[in-house]
C-alpha atoms as a PDB file:
ATOM      1  CA  MET A   1       0.000   0.000   0.000  1.00  0.00           C
ATOM      2  CA  ILE A   2       2.737   2.498   0.944  1.00  0.00           C
ATOM      3  CA  GLY A   3       4.725   1.615  -2.162  1.00  0.00           C
ATOM      4  CA  ARG A   4       1.646   2.260  -4.280  1.00  0.00           C
ATOM      5  CA  MET A   5       1.003   5.639  -2.633  1.00  0.00           C
ATOM      6  CA  SER A   6       4.639   6.529  -3.156  1.00  0.00           C
ATOM      7  CA  ASP A   7       4.396   5.538  -6.829  1.00  0.00           C
ATOM      8  CA  ASN A   8       1.320   7.712  -7.259  1.00  0.00           C
ATOM      9  CA  LEU A   9       3.016  10.638  -5.505  1.00  0.00           C
ATOM     10  CA  LEU A  10       6.058  10.336  -7.770  1.00  0.00           C
ATOM     11  CA  LEU A  11       3.822  10.304 -10.839  1.00  0.00           C
ATOM     12  CA  TRP A  12       1.975  13.386  -9.623  1.00  0.00           C
ATOM     13  CA  ILE A  13       5.172  15.295  -8.924  1.00  0.00           C
ATOM     14  CA  ALA A  14       6.450  14.521 -12.424  1.00  0.00           C
ATOM     15  CA  ARG A  15       3.045  15.310 -13.949  1.00  0.00           C
ATOM     16  CA  LEU A  16       2.799  18.663 -12.159  1.00  0.00           C
ATOM     17  CA  ALA A  17       6.336  19.631 -13.189  1.00  0.00           C
ATOM     18  CA  LEU A  18       5.555  18.837 -16.832  1.00  0.00           C
ATOM     19  CA  GLY A  19       2.260  20.704 -16.567  1.00  0.00           C
ATOM     20  CA  PHE A  20       4.127  23.712 -15.213  1.00  0.00           C
ATOM     21  CA  ALA A  21       6.514  23.473 -18.179  1.00  0.00           C
ATOM     22  CA  VAL A  22       3.564  23.511 -20.585  1.00  0.00           C
ATOM     23  CA  LEU A  23       2.202  26.650 -18.919  1.00  0.00           C
ATOM     24  CA  ASP A  24       5.560  28.369 -18.448  1.00  0.00           C
ATOM     25  CA  PHE A  25       6.919  27.846 -21.949  1.00  0.00           C
ATOM     26  CA  GLY A  26       3.455  28.144 -23.523  1.00  0.00           C
ATOM     27  CA  ILE A  27       2.661  31.512 -21.957  1.00  0.00           C
ATOM     28  CA  ILE A  28       6.072  32.994 -22.780  1.00  0.00           C
ATOM     29  CA  GLY A  29       5.902  31.693 -26.348  1.00  0.00           C
ATOM     30  CA  SER A  30       2.350  32.926 -26.859  1.00  0.00           C
ATOM     31  CA  LEU A  31       3.156  36.402 -25.563  1.00  0.00           C
ATOM     32  CA  TYR A  32       6.059  36.711 -28.005  1.00  0.00           C
ATOM     33  CA  VAL A  33       3.976  35.443 -30.932  1.00  0.00           C
ATOM     34  CA  ILE A  34       1.037  37.748 -30.162  1.00  0.00           C
ATOM     35  CA  ASP A  35       2.931  40.965 -29.350  1.00  0.00           C
ATOM     36  CA  PRO A  36       6.673  40.471 -29.703  1.00  0.00           C
ATOM     37  CA  THR A  37       7.632  44.140 -29.601  1.00  0.00           C
ATOM     38  CA  ALA A  38       5.866  44.775 -26.278  1.00  0.00           C
ATOM     39  CA  GLU A  39       7.373  41.671 -24.673  1.00  0.00           C
ATOM     40  CA  ALA A  40      10.838  42.484 -25.975  1.00  0.00           C
ATOM     41  CA  ALA A  41      10.558  46.094 -24.830  1.00  0.00           C
ATOM     42  CA  ALA A  42      10.191  44.881 -21.235  1.00  0.00           C
ATOM     43  CA  SER A  43      13.786  43.643 -21.570  1.00  0.00           C
ATOM     44  CA  THR A  44      14.910  46.776 -23.440  1.00  0.00           C
ATOM     45  CA  ILE A  45      15.026  44.957 -26.791  1.00  0.00           C
ATOM     46  CA  VAL A  46      13.755  46.970 -29.773  1.00  0.00           C
ATOM     47  CA  ALA A  47      12.829  45.751 -33.236  1.00  0.00           C
ATOM     48  CA  ILE A  48      13.562  48.489 -35.773  1.00  0.00           C
ATOM     49  CA  GLU A  49      11.916  46.856 -38.815  1.00  0.00           C
ATOM     50  CA  ALA A  50       9.402  44.113 -39.618  1.00  0.00           C
ATOM     51  CA  ALA A  51      12.155  41.523 -40.006  1.00  0.00           C
ATOM     52  CA  GLY A  52      13.222  42.230 -36.417  1.00  0.00           C
ATOM     53  CA  THR A  53       9.664  41.705 -35.183  1.00  0.00           C
ATOM     54  CA  THR A  54       9.429  38.416 -37.071  1.00  0.00           C
ATOM     55  CA  ASN A  55      12.778  37.335 -35.639  1.00  0.00           C
ATOM     56  CA  LEU A  56      11.457  38.070 -32.135  1.00  0.00           C
ATOM     57  CA  ARG A  57       8.379  35.947 -32.850  1.00  0.00           C
ATOM     58  CA  VAL A  58      10.510  33.053 -34.029  1.00  0.00           C
ATOM     59  CA  GLY A  59      13.466  33.365 -31.658  1.00  0.00           C
ATOM     60  CA  PHE A  60      11.463  33.909 -28.496  1.00  0.00           C
ATOM     61  CA  GLY A  61       7.983  32.702 -29.421  1.00  0.00           C
ATOM     62  CA  ALA A  62       8.363  29.663 -31.624  1.00  0.00           C
ATOM     63  CA  PHE A  63      11.075  27.962 -29.613  1.00  0.00           C
ATOM     64  CA  HIS A  64       9.206  28.406 -26.330  1.00  0.00           C
ATOM     65  CA  LEU A  65       6.027  27.102 -27.952  1.00  0.00           C
ATOM     66  CA  ALA A  66       7.919  24.104 -29.332  1.00  0.00           C
ATOM     67  CA  ILE A  67       9.121  23.170 -25.840  1.00  0.00           C
ATOM     68  CA  ALA A  68       5.553  23.602 -24.533  1.00  0.00           C
ATOM     69  CA  VAL A  69       4.198  21.280 -27.238  1.00  0.00           C
ATOM     70  CA  ILE A  70       6.883  18.667 -26.504  1.00  0.00           C
ATOM     71  CA  ALA A  71       6.095  18.867 -22.772  1.00  0.00           C
ATOM     72  CA  ALA A  72       2.349  18.564 -23.497  1.00  0.00           C
ATOM     73  CA  PHE A  73       2.956  15.501 -25.663  1.00  0.00           C
ATOM     74  CA  CYS A  74       5.093  13.922 -22.941  1.00  0.00           C
ATOM     75  CA  LEU A  75       2.407  14.715 -20.376  1.00  0.00           C
ATOM     76  CA  GLY A  76       0.119  12.307 -22.253  1.00  0.00           C
ATOM     77  CA  ALA A  77       1.720   9.118 -20.893  1.00  0.00           C
ATOM     78  CA  PRO A  78       3.758   8.326 -17.765  1.00  0.00           C
ATOM     79  CA  ASP A  79       6.475   6.582 -19.770  1.00  0.00           C
ATOM     80  CA  ARG A  80       7.146   9.912 -21.511  1.00  0.00           C
ATOM     81  CA  TYR A  81       7.545  11.954 -18.295  1.00  0.00           C
ATOM     82  CA  TRP A  82      11.256  11.123 -17.989  1.00  0.00           C
ATOM     83  CA  PRO A  83      12.295  12.165 -21.531  1.00  0.00           C
ATOM     84  CA  GLY A  84       9.982  15.186 -21.487  1.00  0.00           C
ATOM     85  CA  LEU A  85      11.385  16.490 -18.232  1.00  0.00           C
ATOM     86  CA  GLY A  86      14.888  15.699 -19.455  1.00  0.00           C
ATOM     87  CA  ILE A  87      14.332  18.026 -22.416  1.00  0.00           C
ATOM     88  CA  VAL A  88      12.825  20.751 -20.234  1.00  0.00           C
ATOM     89  CA  VAL A  89      15.639  20.515 -17.668  1.00  0.00           C
ATOM     90  CA  THR A  90      18.263  20.649 -20.422  1.00  0.00           C
ATOM     91  CA  VAL A  91      16.761  23.740 -22.049  1.00  0.00           C
ATOM     92  CA  THR A  92      16.230  25.517 -18.734  1.00  0.00           C
ATOM     93  CA  THR A  93      19.725  24.682 -17.478  1.00  0.00           C
ATOM     94  CA  ILE A  94      21.251  26.114 -20.638  1.00  0.00           C
ATOM     95  CA  ALA A  95      19.088  29.244 -20.314  1.00  0.00           C
ATOM     96  CA  VAL A  96      20.205  29.771 -16.704  1.00  0.00           C
ATOM     97  CA  ALA A  97      23.857  29.183 -17.642  1.00  0.00           C
ATOM     98  CA  VAL A  98      23.712  31.643 -20.543  1.00  0.00           C
ATOM     99  CA  ARG A  99      21.939  34.210 -18.362  1.00  0.00           C
ATOM    100  CA  LEU A 100      24.725  33.863 -15.775  1.00  0.00           C
ATOM    101  CA  ILE A 101      27.318  34.297 -18.516  1.00  0.00           C
ATOM    102  CA  GLY A 102      25.429  37.410 -19.616  1.00  0.00           C
ATOM    103  CA  VAL A 103      25.468  38.827 -16.093  1.00  0.00           C
ATOM    104  CA  THR A 104      29.201  38.181 -15.912  1.00  0.00           C
ATOM    105  CA  ILE A 105      29.924  39.832 -19.263  1.00  0.00           C
ATOM    106  CA  ASP A 106      27.232  42.534 -19.402  1.00  0.00           C
ATOM    107  CA  GLY A 107      26.662  43.300 -15.728  1.00  0.00           C
ATOM    108  CA  VAL A 108      23.605  43.098 -13.529  1.00  0.00           C
ATOM    109  CA  HIS A 109      20.285  44.624 -14.583  1.00  0.00           C
ATOM    110  CA  PRO A 110      17.060  44.418 -12.538  1.00  0.00           C
ATOM    111  CA  ARG A 111      15.208  42.664 -15.390  1.00  0.00           C
ATOM    112  CA  THR A 112      18.005  40.107 -15.757  1.00  0.00           C
ATOM    113  CA  THR A 113      17.946  39.392 -12.022  1.00  0.00           C
ATOM    114  CA  LEU A 114      14.162  38.957 -12.079  1.00  0.00           C
ATOM    115  CA  LEU A 115      14.278  36.562 -15.029  1.00  0.00           C
ATOM    116  CA  LEU A 116      17.158  34.620 -13.495  1.00  0.00           C
ATOM    117  CA  ARG A 117      15.121  34.111 -10.316  1.00  0.00           C
ATOM    118  CA  PHE A 118      12.130  32.838 -12.284  1.00  0.00           C
ATOM    119  CA  GLU A 119      14.308  30.558 -14.397  1.00  0.00           C
ATOM    120  CA  ALA A 120      16.052  29.162 -11.304  1.00  0.00           C
ATOM    121  CA  LEU A 121      12.697  28.502  -9.647  1.00  0.00           C
ATOM    122  CA  GLY A 122      11.463  26.781 -12.793  1.00  0.00           C
ATOM    123  CA  LEU A 123      14.637  24.718 -12.955  1.00  0.00           C
ATOM    124  CA  ALA A 124      14.126  23.595  -9.344  1.00  0.00           C
ATOM    125  CA  ILE A 125      10.555  22.517 -10.139  1.00  0.00           C
ATOM    126  CA  PHE A 126      11.646  20.708 -13.302  1.00  0.00           C
ATOM    127  CA  LEU A 127      14.519  18.964 -11.478  1.00  0.00           C
ATOM    128  CA  ALA A 128      12.119  17.774  -8.768  1.00  0.00           C
ATOM    129  CA  GLY A 129       9.869  16.378 -11.481  1.00  0.00           C
ATOM    130  CA  LEU A 130      12.794  14.755 -13.281  1.00  0.00           C
ATOM    131  CA  PHE A 131      13.960  13.139 -10.036  1.00  0.00           C
ATOM    132  CA  ALA A 132      10.423  11.856  -9.355  1.00  0.00           C
ATOM    133  CA  ALA A 133      10.151  10.475 -12.893  1.00  0.00           C
ATOM    134  CA  TRP A 134      13.550   8.825 -12.538  1.00  0.00           C
ATOM    135  CA  ARG A 135      12.570   7.220  -9.215  1.00  0.00           C
ATOM    136  CA  GLN A 136       9.290   6.000 -10.675  1.00  0.00           C
ATOM    137  CA  ARG A 137      11.056   4.668 -13.742  1.00  0.00           C
ATOM    138  CA  SER A 138      13.744   2.886 -11.688  1.00  0.00           C
ATOM    139  CA  ARG A 139      11.046   1.164  -9.600  1.00  0.00           C
ATOM    140  CA  LEU A 140       9.487  -0.295 -12.733  1.00  0.00           C
ATOM    141  CA  THR A 141      12.723  -1.775 -14.072  1.00  0.00           C
END
């Protein structure tokens, strides 16, 4: 009975982490597709011409939406939680690392600090989900 409850808890932790990834990446991607110039302006990025606006949509919107779609697909079956969270953790880890490199090279800005905090929180949630998925997966094998 306890083992079964533990298995269910692990599945729910992984499921919630993937669900958060769908929302997190999906909202960011959608905002950049819908109004890329406004979203970019919040980080002091300006698109001078239409090509710049399109590049914002693709660079910030499409890639975030792609991760959200992958996470949503992986949310569909417990055997896909592990690879889905692995992808999300990889992408988020690289984003945090590059943001830290940016702080080192470019200096600290309030917006950068805010985004770094959110990304670190997301990474912690995704890592907890990945660990839960790994534990669940290792129990089955």
